[in-house]
Amino acid sequence: MPLDWTTGALAEGLRCYRKEEFFLAHEHWEEIWLKCEEPDKTFLQALIQTTAAFHHLQQKNHAGATSLLRAALRRLDPFPSAYGGIEVEPLRQTIRIWLDTLNRQESSPKTPFPKIR
């Protein structure tokens, strides 16, 4: 079953993510993740880790955000530049920028949250 980002929990999670409601996005996507098979399961896990990372960042937990972004990037790296209707390469690039920013321990990063398109 292909990932359908236009309806249901995936669409609702994407809407929440775009509104920077990261915890809610995580919850919607996890509902689908639990039922997925590989490779979609790993792909969704990476997106869930990304949302969880930015939820941690909103809570000022930079260590938790950094750890989750590293894990998400490890899971995203094997995927092609686009997968499951999502542009993966721009997402990976923005995650790398965030990791660099967090590693420099900047207090107010100017990098916007990654867009999931």
N, C-alpha and C. Protein backbone atom coordinates (compact mmCIF):
# COMPACT_ATOMS: atom_id res chain seq x y z
N MET A 1 0.85 -1.18 0.00
CA MET A 1 0.00 0.00 0.00
C MET A 1 0.89 1.24 0.00
N PRO A 2 0.79 2.10 -1.02
CA PRO A 2 1.62 3.30 -1.06
C PRO A 2 1.20 4.30 0.03
N LEU A 3 2.17 5.11 0.43
CA LEU A 3 1.88 6.14 1.43
C LEU A 3 1.02 7.23 0.78
N ASP A 4 -0.12 7.52 1.39
CA ASP A 4 -1.04 8.52 0.86
C ASP A 4 -1.09 9.71 1.82
N TRP A 5 -0.48 10.80 1.38
CA TRP A 5 -0.37 12.00 2.21
C TRP A 5 -1.56 12.95 2.02
N THR A 6 -2.59 12.50 1.28
CA THR A 6 -3.71 13.39 0.99
C THR A 6 -4.90 13.18 1.92
N THR A 7 -4.95 12.03 2.60
CA THR A 7 -6.08 11.74 3.48
C THR A 7 -5.61 11.00 4.72
N GLY A 8 -6.46 10.94 5.69
CA GLY A 8 -6.22 10.14 6.88
C GLY A 8 -5.12 10.68 7.78
N ALA A 9 -4.55 9.76 8.54
CA ALA A 9 -3.57 10.13 9.57
C ALA A 9 -2.30 10.75 8.98
N LEU A 10 -1.86 10.29 7.81
CA LEU A 10 -0.66 10.90 7.21
C LEU A 10 -0.92 12.36 6.85
N ALA A 11 -2.06 12.63 6.24
CA ALA A 11 -2.41 14.01 5.88
C ALA A 11 -2.58 14.88 7.12
N GLU A 12 -3.23 14.33 8.14
CA GLU A 12 -3.44 15.09 9.38
C GLU A 12 -2.10 15.38 10.06
N GLY A 13 -1.21 14.39 10.08
CA GLY A 13 0.12 14.61 10.65
C GLY A 13 0.90 15.65 9.88
N LEU A 14 0.80 15.63 8.56
CA LEU A 14 1.49 16.62 7.75
C LEU A 14 0.95 18.02 8.02
N ARG A 15 -0.37 18.13 8.17
CA ARG A 15 -0.98 19.42 8.49
C ARG A 15 -0.46 19.92 9.85
N CYS A 16 -0.39 19.04 10.82
CA CYS A 16 0.12 19.42 12.15
C CYS A 16 1.59 19.82 12.07
N TYR A 17 2.38 19.05 11.32
CA TYR A 17 3.81 19.35 11.18
C TYR A 17 3.98 20.76 10.60
N ARG A 18 3.24 21.07 9.57
CA ARG A 18 3.36 22.38 8.92
C ARG A 18 2.93 23.52 9.84
N LYS A 19 2.11 23.22 10.82
CA LYS A 19 1.70 24.22 11.81
C LYS A 19 2.64 24.21 13.02
N GLU A 20 3.72 23.43 12.93
CA GLU A 20 4.71 23.27 14.00
C GLU A 20 4.10 22.67 15.26
N GLU A 21 3.09 21.84 15.07
CA GLU A 21 2.49 21.06 16.15
C GLU A 21 3.13 19.67 16.08
N PHE A 22 4.40 19.62 16.47
CA PHE A 22 5.21 18.44 16.23
C PHE A 22 4.76 17.23 17.02
N PHE A 23 4.34 17.43 18.25
CA PHE A 23 3.90 16.29 19.04
C PHE A 23 2.68 15.63 18.39
N LEU A 24 1.73 16.45 17.94
CA LEU A 24 0.53 15.91 17.30
C LEU A 24 0.86 15.21 15.99
N ALA A 25 1.78 15.79 15.21
CA ALA A 25 2.20 15.15 13.96
C ALA A 25 2.76 13.77 14.25
N HIS A 26 3.61 13.71 15.26
CA HIS A 26 4.22 12.44 15.68
C HIS A 26 3.13 11.41 16.01
N GLU A 27 2.13 11.82 16.74
CA GLU A 27 1.06 10.91 17.15
C GLU A 27 0.29 10.37 15.93
N HIS A 28 -0.03 11.23 14.99
CA HIS A 28 -0.76 10.79 13.79
C HIS A 28 0.07 9.80 12.97
N TRP A 29 1.35 10.11 12.78
CA TRP A 29 2.19 9.25 11.96
C TRP A 29 2.50 7.93 12.63
N GLU A 30 2.60 7.96 13.95
CA GLU A 30 2.89 6.72 14.67
C GLU A 30 1.77 5.71 14.48
N GLU A 31 0.55 6.19 14.39
CA GLU A 31 -0.61 5.34 14.16
C GLU A 31 -0.43 4.52 12.86
N ILE A 32 0.09 5.14 11.83
CA ILE A 32 0.33 4.46 10.55
C ILE A 32 1.60 3.60 10.64
N TRP A 33 2.63 4.14 11.25
CA TRP A 33 3.92 3.44 11.38
C TRP A 33 3.75 2.06 12.00
N LEU A 34 2.90 1.96 13.00
CA LEU A 34 2.70 0.68 13.70
C LEU A 34 2.19 -0.41 12.76
N LYS A 35 1.52 -0.03 11.67
CA LYS A 35 0.91 -0.99 10.75
C LYS A 35 1.75 -1.20 9.48
N CYS A 36 2.80 -0.43 9.31
CA CYS A 36 3.59 -0.45 8.06
C CYS A 36 4.54 -1.63 8.00
N GLU A 37 4.92 -1.91 6.76
CA GLU A 37 5.99 -2.87 6.51
C GLU A 37 7.16 -2.11 5.91
N GLU A 38 8.31 -2.76 5.89
CA GLU A 38 9.51 -2.14 5.32
C GLU A 38 9.36 -1.99 3.81
N PRO A 39 9.95 -0.99 3.21
CA PRO A 39 10.79 0.06 3.78
C PRO A 39 10.02 1.27 4.31
N ASP A 40 8.68 1.26 4.10
CA ASP A 40 7.89 2.40 4.57
C ASP A 40 8.01 2.60 6.08
N LYS A 41 8.14 1.50 6.82
CA LYS A 41 8.23 1.58 8.28
C LYS A 41 9.46 2.39 8.71
N THR A 42 10.60 2.11 8.11
CA THR A 42 11.82 2.85 8.44
C THR A 42 11.70 4.31 8.01
N PHE A 43 11.12 4.53 6.85
CA PHE A 43 10.95 5.90 6.35
C PHE A 43 10.07 6.71 7.30
N LEU A 44 8.93 6.15 7.68
CA LEU A 44 8.05 6.86 8.61
C LEU A 44 8.70 7.05 9.97
N GLN A 45 9.49 6.07 10.39
CA GLN A 45 10.18 6.22 11.67
C GLN A 45 11.11 7.42 11.62
N ALA A 46 11.78 7.62 10.51
CA ALA A 46 12.66 8.79 10.37
C ALA A 46 11.87 10.09 10.46
N LEU A 47 10.71 10.13 9.83
CA LEU A 47 9.88 11.34 9.90
C LEU A 47 9.35 11.56 11.31
N ILE A 48 8.99 10.47 11.98
CA ILE A 48 8.52 10.57 13.37
C ILE A 48 9.65 11.07 14.27
N GLN A 49 10.85 10.57 14.06
CA GLN A 49 11.98 11.04 14.86
C GLN A 49 12.27 12.52 14.59
N THR A 50 12.08 12.94 13.36
CA THR A 50 12.27 14.35 13.03
C THR A 50 11.26 15.21 13.78
N THR A 51 10.00 14.79 13.77
CA THR A 51 8.98 15.57 14.48
C THR A 51 9.24 15.57 15.98
N ALA A 52 9.64 14.42 16.51
CA ALA A 52 9.94 14.34 17.94
C ALA A 52 11.13 15.24 18.29
N ALA A 53 12.11 15.30 17.40
CA ALA A 53 13.28 16.16 17.63
C ALA A 53 12.86 17.62 17.74
N PHE A 54 11.99 18.06 16.85
CA PHE A 54 11.59 19.46 16.90
C PHE A 54 10.63 19.75 18.04
N HIS A 55 9.91 18.74 18.49
CA HIS A 55 9.14 18.90 19.72
C HIS A 55 10.10 19.10 20.90
N HIS A 56 11.16 18.29 20.95
CA HIS A 56 12.17 18.47 22.00
C HIS A 56 12.80 19.86 21.93
N LEU A 57 13.06 20.31 20.74
CA LEU A 57 13.66 21.63 20.57
C LEU A 57 12.72 22.72 21.09
N GLN A 58 11.44 22.59 20.83
CA GLN A 58 10.47 23.55 21.35
C GLN A 58 10.47 23.55 22.88
N GLN A 59 10.84 22.42 23.48
CA GLN A 59 10.91 22.30 24.93
C GLN A 59 12.29 22.66 25.47
N LYS A 60 13.16 23.14 24.59
CA LYS A 60 14.54 23.55 24.94
C LYS A 60 15.43 22.37 25.31
N ASN A 61 15.09 21.18 24.84
CA ASN A 61 15.90 19.99 25.07
C ASN A 61 16.78 19.77 23.85
N HIS A 62 17.89 20.48 23.79
CA HIS A 62 18.77 20.43 22.62
C HIS A 62 19.45 19.07 22.48
N ALA A 63 19.80 18.44 23.60
CA ALA A 63 20.46 17.13 23.53
C ALA A 63 19.51 16.09 22.95
N GLY A 64 18.27 16.09 23.39
CA GLY A 64 17.28 15.15 22.86
C GLY A 64 17.02 15.39 21.39
N ALA A 65 16.93 16.66 21.00
CA ALA A 65 16.70 17.01 19.60
C ALA A 65 17.86 16.54 18.73
N THR A 66 19.08 16.77 19.20
CA THR A 66 20.27 16.37 18.45
C THR A 66 20.30 14.85 18.25
N SER A 67 20.05 14.12 19.30
CA SER A 67 20.07 12.67 19.23
C SER A 67 19.03 12.14 18.24
N LEU A 68 17.83 12.67 18.31
CA LEU A 68 16.76 12.22 17.41
C LEU A 68 17.03 12.61 15.96
N LEU A 69 17.59 13.80 15.74
CA LEU A 69 17.91 14.21 14.36
C LEU A 69 19.00 13.32 13.76
N ARG A 70 19.98 12.95 14.56
CA ARG A 70 21.01 12.03 14.07
C ARG A 70 20.40 10.69 13.69
N ALA A 71 19.51 10.17 14.53
CA ALA A 71 18.86 8.90 14.24
C ALA A 71 17.99 9.00 12.98
N ALA A 72 17.27 10.09 12.85
CA ALA A 72 16.42 10.29 11.67
C ALA A 72 17.27 10.33 10.40
N LEU A 73 18.38 11.05 10.46
CA LEU A 73 19.26 11.17 9.29
C LEU A 73 19.84 9.81 8.91
N ARG A 74 20.23 9.02 9.90
CA ARG A 74 20.74 7.66 9.61
C ARG A 74 19.69 6.83 8.88
N ARG A 75 18.44 6.99 9.26
CA ARG A 75 17.38 6.23 8.61
C ARG A 75 17.05 6.80 7.23
N LEU A 76 17.16 8.10 7.05
CA LEU A 76 16.84 8.71 5.76
C LEU A 76 17.94 8.54 4.73
N ASP A 77 19.19 8.44 5.17
CA ASP A 77 20.32 8.40 4.23
C ASP A 77 20.20 7.33 3.14
N PRO A 78 19.73 6.12 3.41
CA PRO A 78 19.66 5.12 2.34
C PRO A 78 18.56 5.37 1.29
N PHE A 79 17.63 6.26 1.59
CA PHE A 79 16.51 6.48 0.68
C PHE A 79 16.91 7.38 -0.48
N PRO A 80 16.24 7.22 -1.62
CA PRO A 80 16.54 8.09 -2.77
C PRO A 80 16.12 9.52 -2.47
N SER A 81 16.39 10.42 -3.41
CA SER A 81 16.10 11.84 -3.19
C SER A 81 14.61 12.13 -3.02
N ALA A 82 13.77 11.23 -3.50
CA ALA A 82 12.32 11.33 -3.27
C ALA A 82 11.82 9.93 -2.96
N TYR A 83 10.94 9.84 -1.99
CA TYR A 83 10.40 8.53 -1.61
C TYR A 83 9.01 8.71 -1.02
N GLY A 84 8.10 7.84 -1.38
CA GLY A 84 6.77 7.84 -0.78
C GLY A 84 6.03 9.14 -0.92
N GLY A 85 6.33 9.89 -1.99
CA GLY A 85 5.67 11.17 -2.20
C GLY A 85 6.30 12.33 -1.45
N ILE A 86 7.45 12.10 -0.84
CA ILE A 86 8.14 13.13 -0.05
C ILE A 86 9.49 13.43 -0.68
N GLU A 87 9.84 14.71 -0.74
CA GLU A 87 11.16 15.13 -1.21
C GLU A 87 12.15 14.93 -0.07
N VAL A 88 12.94 13.87 -0.17
CA VAL A 88 13.82 13.46 0.93
C VAL A 88 15.10 14.29 0.98
N GLU A 89 15.69 14.58 -0.17
CA GLU A 89 16.99 15.27 -0.16
C GLU A 89 16.93 16.65 0.51
N PRO A 90 15.96 17.50 0.20
CA PRO A 90 15.89 18.79 0.92
C PRO A 90 15.71 18.61 2.42
N LEU A 91 14.97 17.58 2.81
CA LEU A 91 14.77 17.30 4.23
C LEU A 91 16.10 16.91 4.88
N ARG A 92 16.85 16.02 4.23
CA ARG A 92 18.16 15.61 4.75
C ARG A 92 19.09 16.82 4.88
N GLN A 93 19.10 17.68 3.87
CA GLN A 93 19.97 18.85 3.89
C GLN A 93 19.64 19.76 5.07
N THR A 94 18.37 19.99 5.30
CA THR A 94 17.97 20.87 6.41
C THR A 94 18.27 20.22 7.76
N ILE A 95 18.10 18.92 7.86
CA ILE A 95 18.46 18.23 9.11
C ILE A 95 19.95 18.39 9.38
N ARG A 96 20.78 18.27 8.35
CA ARG A 96 22.23 18.45 8.53
C ARG A 96 22.55 19.87 9.00
N ILE A 97 21.87 20.86 8.46
CA ILE A 97 22.08 22.24 8.89
C ILE A 97 21.70 22.39 10.36
N TRP A 98 20.57 21.79 10.74
CA TRP A 98 20.14 21.86 12.14
C TRP A 98 21.15 21.18 13.06
N LEU A 99 21.66 20.03 12.64
CA LEU A 99 22.66 19.34 13.47
C LEU A 99 23.90 20.19 13.64
N ASP A 100 24.33 20.83 12.57
CA ASP A 100 25.49 21.71 12.65
C ASP A 100 25.21 22.87 13.60
N THR A 101 24.03 23.45 13.49
CA THR A 101 23.64 24.56 14.36
C THR A 101 23.60 24.12 15.83
N LEU A 102 23.00 22.96 16.08
CA LEU A 102 22.92 22.47 17.45
C LEU A 102 24.29 22.09 18.00
N ASN A 103 25.14 21.55 17.15
CA ASN A 103 26.49 21.20 17.59
C ASN A 103 27.29 22.45 17.96
N ARG A 104 27.01 23.57 17.33
CA ARG A 104 27.68 24.84 17.67
C ARG A 104 27.03 25.48 18.90
N GLN A 105 25.94 24.87 19.36
CA GLN A 105 25.22 25.32 20.55
C GLN A 105 24.74 26.77 20.42
N GLU A 106 24.23 27.08 19.24
CA GLU A 106 23.64 28.40 19.05
C GLU A 106 22.32 28.45 19.80
N SER A 107 22.10 29.54 20.49
CA SER A 107 20.91 29.64 21.33
C SER A 107 19.64 29.89 20.53
N SER A 108 19.74 30.60 19.43
CA SER A 108 18.53 30.86 18.63
C SER A 108 18.85 30.63 17.16
N PRO A 109 18.76 29.39 16.72
CA PRO A 109 19.05 29.10 15.32
C PRO A 109 18.14 29.88 14.38
N LYS A 110 18.70 30.34 13.29
CA LYS A 110 17.93 31.10 12.31
C LYS A 110 17.42 30.21 11.19
N THR A 111 17.74 28.94 11.25
CA THR A 111 17.31 27.99 10.25
C THR A 111 15.85 27.62 10.51
N PRO A 112 14.99 27.73 9.50
CA PRO A 112 13.60 27.32 9.71
C PRO A 112 13.51 25.81 9.88
N PHE A 113 12.43 25.37 10.48
CA PHE A 113 12.20 23.94 10.60
C PHE A 113 12.15 23.35 9.20
N PRO A 114 12.62 22.11 9.04
CA PRO A 114 12.60 21.50 7.71
C PRO A 114 11.18 21.39 7.17
N LYS A 115 11.04 21.64 5.92
CA LYS A 115 9.73 21.47 5.27
C LYS A 115 9.64 20.02 4.80
N ILE A 116 8.48 19.46 4.96
CA ILE A 116 8.23 18.14 4.41
C ILE A 116 7.26 18.36 3.26
N ARG A 117 7.81 18.10 2.03
CA ARG A 117 7.02 18.36 0.82
C ARG A 117 6.81 17.08 0.06
